[in-house]
Amino acid sequence: MNAARTEMWAAIAPVHGAILDHPFVRGMTSGGLPEEAFARYIVQDALYLADYARALALCGARAADTPTLRMFCAHAGEAVEAERALQDGLLTELGVGAQELAAARPTPTTRAYGDFLIRACSAGERHEALGAIVPCYWIYAEVGRHLVAAGSPDGRYQRWIDLYGGDEFVEAAEGAIAAGTAVMADLGPGARRACLSHAHQAAVYEWMFWDAAWRDEGWPEGLEPLPLPGGP
């Protein structure tokens, strides 16, 4: 690892360890993860992808070079479509219909994580945007690698594992990690701390996302958010 990559991973690693130890993630390899928790996760992930795709497009627009611009624009379309295809198949198997998905609303964690990414990628500096966007790639690739080694007795969980532990996703993740760590090369101490702070916060949101599905997180009764025009 180069110095910037080592430093960014150090900001993420403790959260990654907590994710691997979370009962949701452990339940995928044991087969003991309740189906309803997995269904909640997949529904929220489908909602999250709308904001994630916008954040990737914003990163592309602010890229320092054409290859990075092309990479993030491609990820905003192709990578998200690959995840959407997996979700569509899994939702059908989990008994979640199109109407139920259309009626779903983001949990507090889904809304907060999406807002964090959009704010970082639109109003933050380039290094803050990249710091915020990289952990989703990096954590999923590492979680996928870990789970592939263990496998799952449940075919639905195994398909999820195969996507994120597969070569195509790992290659996409490596491209994003390279862009995120390259931007750190010329940063001063304050900007470097800001980049790493955004990376750590994004990693914490990743843990919270799995935990929210596990706990069946919701809004206070009667205080659910109203639908956003044109959004989830």
Protein backbone atom coordinates (compact mmCIF):
# COMPACT_ATOMS: atom_id res chain seq x y z
CA MET A 1 0.00 0.00 0.00
CA ASN A 2 1.17 3.53 -0.71
CA ALA A 3 1.06 6.03 2.14
CA ALA A 4 -2.26 7.66 1.17
CA ARG A 5 -3.96 4.28 0.68
CA THR A 6 -2.67 3.09 4.06
CA GLU A 7 -3.85 6.29 5.73
CA MET A 8 -7.35 6.14 4.22
CA TRP A 9 -7.76 2.47 5.07
CA ALA A 10 -6.70 3.23 8.65
CA ALA A 11 -9.65 5.64 8.86
CA ILE A 12 -12.03 2.93 7.60
CA ALA A 13 -10.60 -0.27 9.06
CA PRO A 14 -12.09 -0.14 12.59
CA VAL A 15 -15.58 0.30 11.12
CA HIS A 16 -14.93 -2.48 8.61
CA GLY A 17 -14.08 -4.78 11.50
CA ALA A 18 -17.33 -3.88 13.26
CA ILE A 19 -19.26 -4.57 10.04
CA LEU A 20 -17.76 -8.06 9.68
CA ASP A 21 -18.77 -8.76 13.29
CA HIS A 22 -22.32 -7.49 12.84
CA PRO A 23 -25.01 -10.19 13.17
CA PHE A 24 -26.52 -9.14 9.82
CA VAL A 25 -23.27 -9.83 7.95
CA ARG A 26 -22.43 -12.95 9.96
CA GLY A 27 -25.94 -14.21 9.32
CA MET A 28 -25.40 -14.19 5.57
CA THR A 29 -22.65 -16.80 5.79
CA SER A 30 -24.33 -18.88 8.48
CA GLY A 31 -27.65 -18.76 6.67
CA GLY A 32 -29.25 -17.55 9.90
CA LEU A 33 -30.02 -14.01 8.69
CA PRO A 34 -33.83 -13.58 8.89
CA GLU A 35 -35.36 -13.22 5.44
CA GLU A 36 -37.32 -10.15 6.48
CA ALA A 37 -34.13 -8.34 7.56
CA PHE A 38 -32.52 -9.10 4.20
CA ALA A 39 -35.65 -7.88 2.40
CA ARG A 40 -35.56 -4.61 4.36
CA TYR A 41 -31.92 -4.18 3.44
CA ILE A 42 -32.50 -4.79 -0.29
CA VAL A 43 -35.45 -2.36 -0.39
CA GLN A 44 -33.42 0.37 1.34
CA ASP A 45 -30.43 -0.29 -0.88
CA ALA A 46 -32.64 0.23 -3.93
CA LEU A 47 -33.70 3.61 -2.50
CA TYR A 48 -30.12 4.51 -1.55
CA LEU A 49 -28.86 3.84 -5.07
CA ALA A 50 -30.74 6.86 -6.42
CA ASP A 51 -28.67 9.21 -4.25
CA TYR A 52 -25.50 7.17 -4.70
CA ALA A 53 -25.75 7.42 -8.49
CA ARG A 54 -26.18 11.19 -8.23
CA ALA A 55 -23.15 11.42 -5.94
CA LEU A 56 -21.05 9.41 -8.41
CA ALA A 57 -22.14 11.68 -11.26
CA LEU A 58 -21.17 14.72 -9.19
CA CYS A 59 -17.75 13.18 -8.51
CA GLY A 60 -17.35 12.64 -12.24
CA ALA A 61 -18.24 16.25 -12.98
CA ARG A 62 -15.57 17.43 -10.55
CA ALA A 63 -12.86 14.98 -11.65
CA ALA A 64 -9.37 16.33 -12.18
CA ASP A 65 -8.82 14.35 -15.40
CA THR A 66 -10.81 12.76 -18.21
CA PRO A 67 -10.20 9.08 -17.23
CA THR A 68 -11.61 9.73 -13.74
CA LEU A 69 -14.56 11.61 -15.26
CA ARG A 70 -15.31 8.64 -17.53
CA MET A 71 -14.90 6.14 -14.70
CA PHE A 72 -17.36 7.76 -12.31
CA CYS A 73 -19.90 8.45 -15.06
CA ALA A 74 -19.70 4.80 -16.11
CA HIS A 75 -20.08 3.67 -12.50
CA ALA A 76 -23.11 5.93 -12.06
CA GLY A 77 -24.80 3.99 -14.85
CA GLU A 78 -23.38 0.52 -15.42
CA ALA A 79 -22.43 -0.42 -11.86
CA VAL A 80 -25.71 0.82 -10.45
CA GLU A 81 -27.64 -1.10 -13.14
CA ALA A 82 -25.82 -4.31 -12.17
CA GLU A 83 -26.89 -3.84 -8.57
CA ARG A 84 -30.43 -2.96 -9.63
CA ALA A 85 -30.68 -6.18 -11.66
CA LEU A 86 -29.61 -8.21 -8.61
CA GLN A 87 -32.10 -6.35 -6.42
CA ASP A 88 -34.98 -6.92 -8.83
CA GLY A 89 -34.41 -10.68 -8.80
CA LEU A 90 -33.97 -10.83 -5.05
CA LEU A 91 -37.02 -8.70 -4.33
CA THR A 92 -39.16 -11.02 -6.43
CA GLU A 93 -37.87 -14.04 -4.52
CA LEU A 94 -38.41 -12.24 -1.22
CA GLY A 95 -42.02 -11.51 -2.12
CA VAL A 96 -41.59 -7.73 -2.43
CA GLY A 97 -43.70 -6.52 -5.35
CA ALA A 98 -43.37 -3.39 -7.48
CA GLN A 99 -46.15 -1.60 -5.61
CA GLU A 100 -44.59 -2.33 -2.23
CA LEU A 101 -41.21 -1.06 -3.45
CA ALA A 102 -42.80 2.08 -4.92
CA ALA A 103 -44.48 2.79 -1.57
CA ALA A 104 -41.28 2.29 0.45
CA ARG A 105 -39.70 5.30 2.12
CA PRO A 106 -36.06 5.76 3.14
CA THR A 107 -35.29 5.01 6.77
CA PRO A 108 -33.62 7.77 8.82
CA THR A 109 -30.24 6.15 8.11
CA THR A 110 -30.86 5.83 4.37
CA ARG A 111 -31.96 9.46 4.17
CA ALA A 112 -29.04 10.69 6.28
CA TYR A 113 -26.43 8.71 4.34
CA GLY A 114 -27.77 9.88 0.98
CA ASP A 115 -27.90 13.51 2.14
CA PHE A 116 -24.33 13.22 3.44
CA LEU A 117 -23.04 11.97 0.08
CA ILE A 118 -24.91 14.56 -1.98
CA ARG A 119 -23.73 17.38 0.28
CA ALA A 120 -20.11 16.20 0.24
CA CYS A 121 -20.08 15.74 -3.53
CA SER A 122 -21.85 19.00 -4.39
CA ALA A 123 -20.82 21.51 -1.73
CA GLY A 124 -17.59 19.99 -0.41
CA GLU A 125 -14.10 20.21 -1.87
CA ARG A 126 -12.98 17.54 -4.34
CA HIS A 127 -11.00 15.68 -1.68
CA GLU A 128 -14.03 15.67 0.62
CA ALA A 129 -16.25 14.31 -2.15
CA LEU A 130 -13.83 11.49 -2.93
CA GLY A 131 -13.29 10.77 0.75
CA ALA A 132 -17.05 10.36 1.16
CA ILE A 133 -17.58 8.17 -1.91
CA VAL A 134 -14.68 5.71 -1.61
CA PRO A 135 -15.72 3.75 1.55
CA CYS A 136 -18.86 2.30 -0.07
CA TYR A 137 -16.68 0.76 -2.78
CA TRP A 138 -13.88 -0.31 -0.47
CA ILE A 139 -16.01 -1.77 2.31
CA TYR A 140 -18.26 -3.71 -0.05
CA ALA A 141 -15.26 -5.13 -1.89
CA GLU A 142 -13.62 -6.19 1.39
CA VAL A 143 -16.86 -7.57 2.84
CA GLY A 144 -17.46 -9.43 -0.43
CA ARG A 145 -13.94 -10.88 -0.35
CA HIS A 146 -14.41 -12.01 3.25
CA LEU A 147 -17.82 -13.56 2.61
CA VAL A 148 -16.78 -15.31 -0.61
CA ALA A 149 -14.25 -17.27 1.40
CA ALA A 150 -16.99 -18.45 3.77
CA GLY A 151 -19.89 -18.84 1.32
CA SER A 152 -23.55 -19.12 2.29
CA PRO A 153 -26.01 -22.04 2.39
CA ASP A 154 -28.76 -19.64 1.23
CA GLY A 155 -28.70 -19.11 -2.53
CA ARG A 156 -30.10 -15.59 -2.27
CA TYR A 157 -27.36 -14.49 0.10
CA GLN A 158 -24.76 -16.23 -2.03
CA ARG A 159 -25.80 -14.24 -5.13
CA TRP A 160 -25.32 -11.00 -3.17
CA ILE A 161 -21.90 -12.24 -2.02
CA ASP A 162 -20.92 -13.24 -5.57
CA LEU A 163 -21.68 -9.74 -6.91
CA TYR A 164 -19.57 -7.86 -4.39
CA GLY A 165 -16.85 -10.49 -4.14
CA GLY A 166 -16.60 -10.79 -7.93
CA ASP A 167 -13.77 -9.53 -10.12
CA GLU A 168 -15.91 -6.91 -11.89
CA PHE A 169 -16.90 -5.12 -8.69
CA VAL A 170 -13.39 -5.39 -7.22
CA GLU A 171 -11.97 -3.80 -10.39
CA ALA A 172 -14.46 -0.93 -10.14
CA ALA A 173 -13.62 -0.48 -6.47
CA GLU A 174 -9.90 -0.37 -7.15
CA GLY A 175 -10.42 2.41 -9.70
CA ALA A 176 -12.35 4.50 -7.20
CA ILE A 177 -9.85 3.82 -4.41
CA ALA A 178 -7.00 4.91 -6.69
CA ALA A 179 -8.81 8.16 -7.50
CA GLY A 180 -9.63 8.79 -3.85
CA THR A 181 -6.10 8.23 -2.62
CA ALA A 182 -4.46 10.09 -5.52
CA VAL A 183 -6.26 13.28 -4.57
CA MET A 184 -4.57 13.14 -1.15
CA ALA A 185 -1.07 13.50 -2.64
CA ASP A 186 -0.85 17.30 -2.57
CA LEU A 187 -3.15 18.06 0.34
CA GLY A 188 -2.07 20.05 3.34
CA PRO A 189 -2.67 18.71 6.86
CA GLY A 190 -6.10 20.33 7.27
CA ALA A 191 -7.45 19.17 3.92
CA ARG A 192 -6.03 15.70 4.51
CA ARG A 193 -7.87 15.49 7.83
CA ALA A 194 -11.08 16.62 6.12
CA CYS A 195 -10.74 13.90 3.47
CA LEU A 196 -10.14 11.20 6.07
CA SER A 197 -12.94 12.53 8.28
CA HIS A 198 -15.37 12.17 5.37
CA ALA A 199 -14.09 8.65 4.71
CA HIS A 200 -14.57 7.65 8.33
CA GLN A 201 -18.07 9.15 8.46
CA ALA A 202 -19.10 7.33 5.28
CA ALA A 203 -17.80 4.05 6.74
CA VAL A 204 -19.87 4.63 9.89
CA TYR A 205 -22.95 5.15 7.72
CA GLU A 206 -22.21 1.81 6.05
CA TRP A 207 -22.33 0.08 9.45
CA MET A 208 -25.49 1.97 10.33
CA PHE A 209 -27.12 0.87 7.05
CA TRP A 210 -26.76 -2.83 7.86
CA ASP A 211 -27.72 -2.20 11.47
CA ALA A 212 -30.87 -0.31 10.45
CA ALA A 213 -32.08 -3.30 8.42
CA TRP A 214 -31.26 -5.61 11.31
CA ARG A 215 -33.17 -3.50 13.84
CA ASP A 216 -36.06 -2.67 11.48
CA GLU A 217 -35.34 1.03 11.94
CA GLY A 218 -38.24 3.36 11.27
CA TRP A 219 -39.47 6.89 11.78
CA PRO A 220 -41.50 7.85 14.86
CA GLU A 221 -45.11 6.79 14.37
CA GLY A 222 -47.11 9.52 12.66
CA LEU A 223 -43.97 11.49 11.78
CA GLU A 224 -42.89 9.65 8.66
CA PRO A 225 -41.41 11.87 5.91
CA LEU A 226 -43.61 12.90 3.02
CA PRO A 227 -42.61 11.64 -0.44
CA LEU A 228 -40.11 13.85 -2.24
CA PRO A 229 -41.13 14.95 -5.78
CA GLY A 230 -39.20 12.84 -8.28
CA GLY A 231 -37.40 10.87 -5.57
CA PRO A 232 -37.83 8.05 -3.05
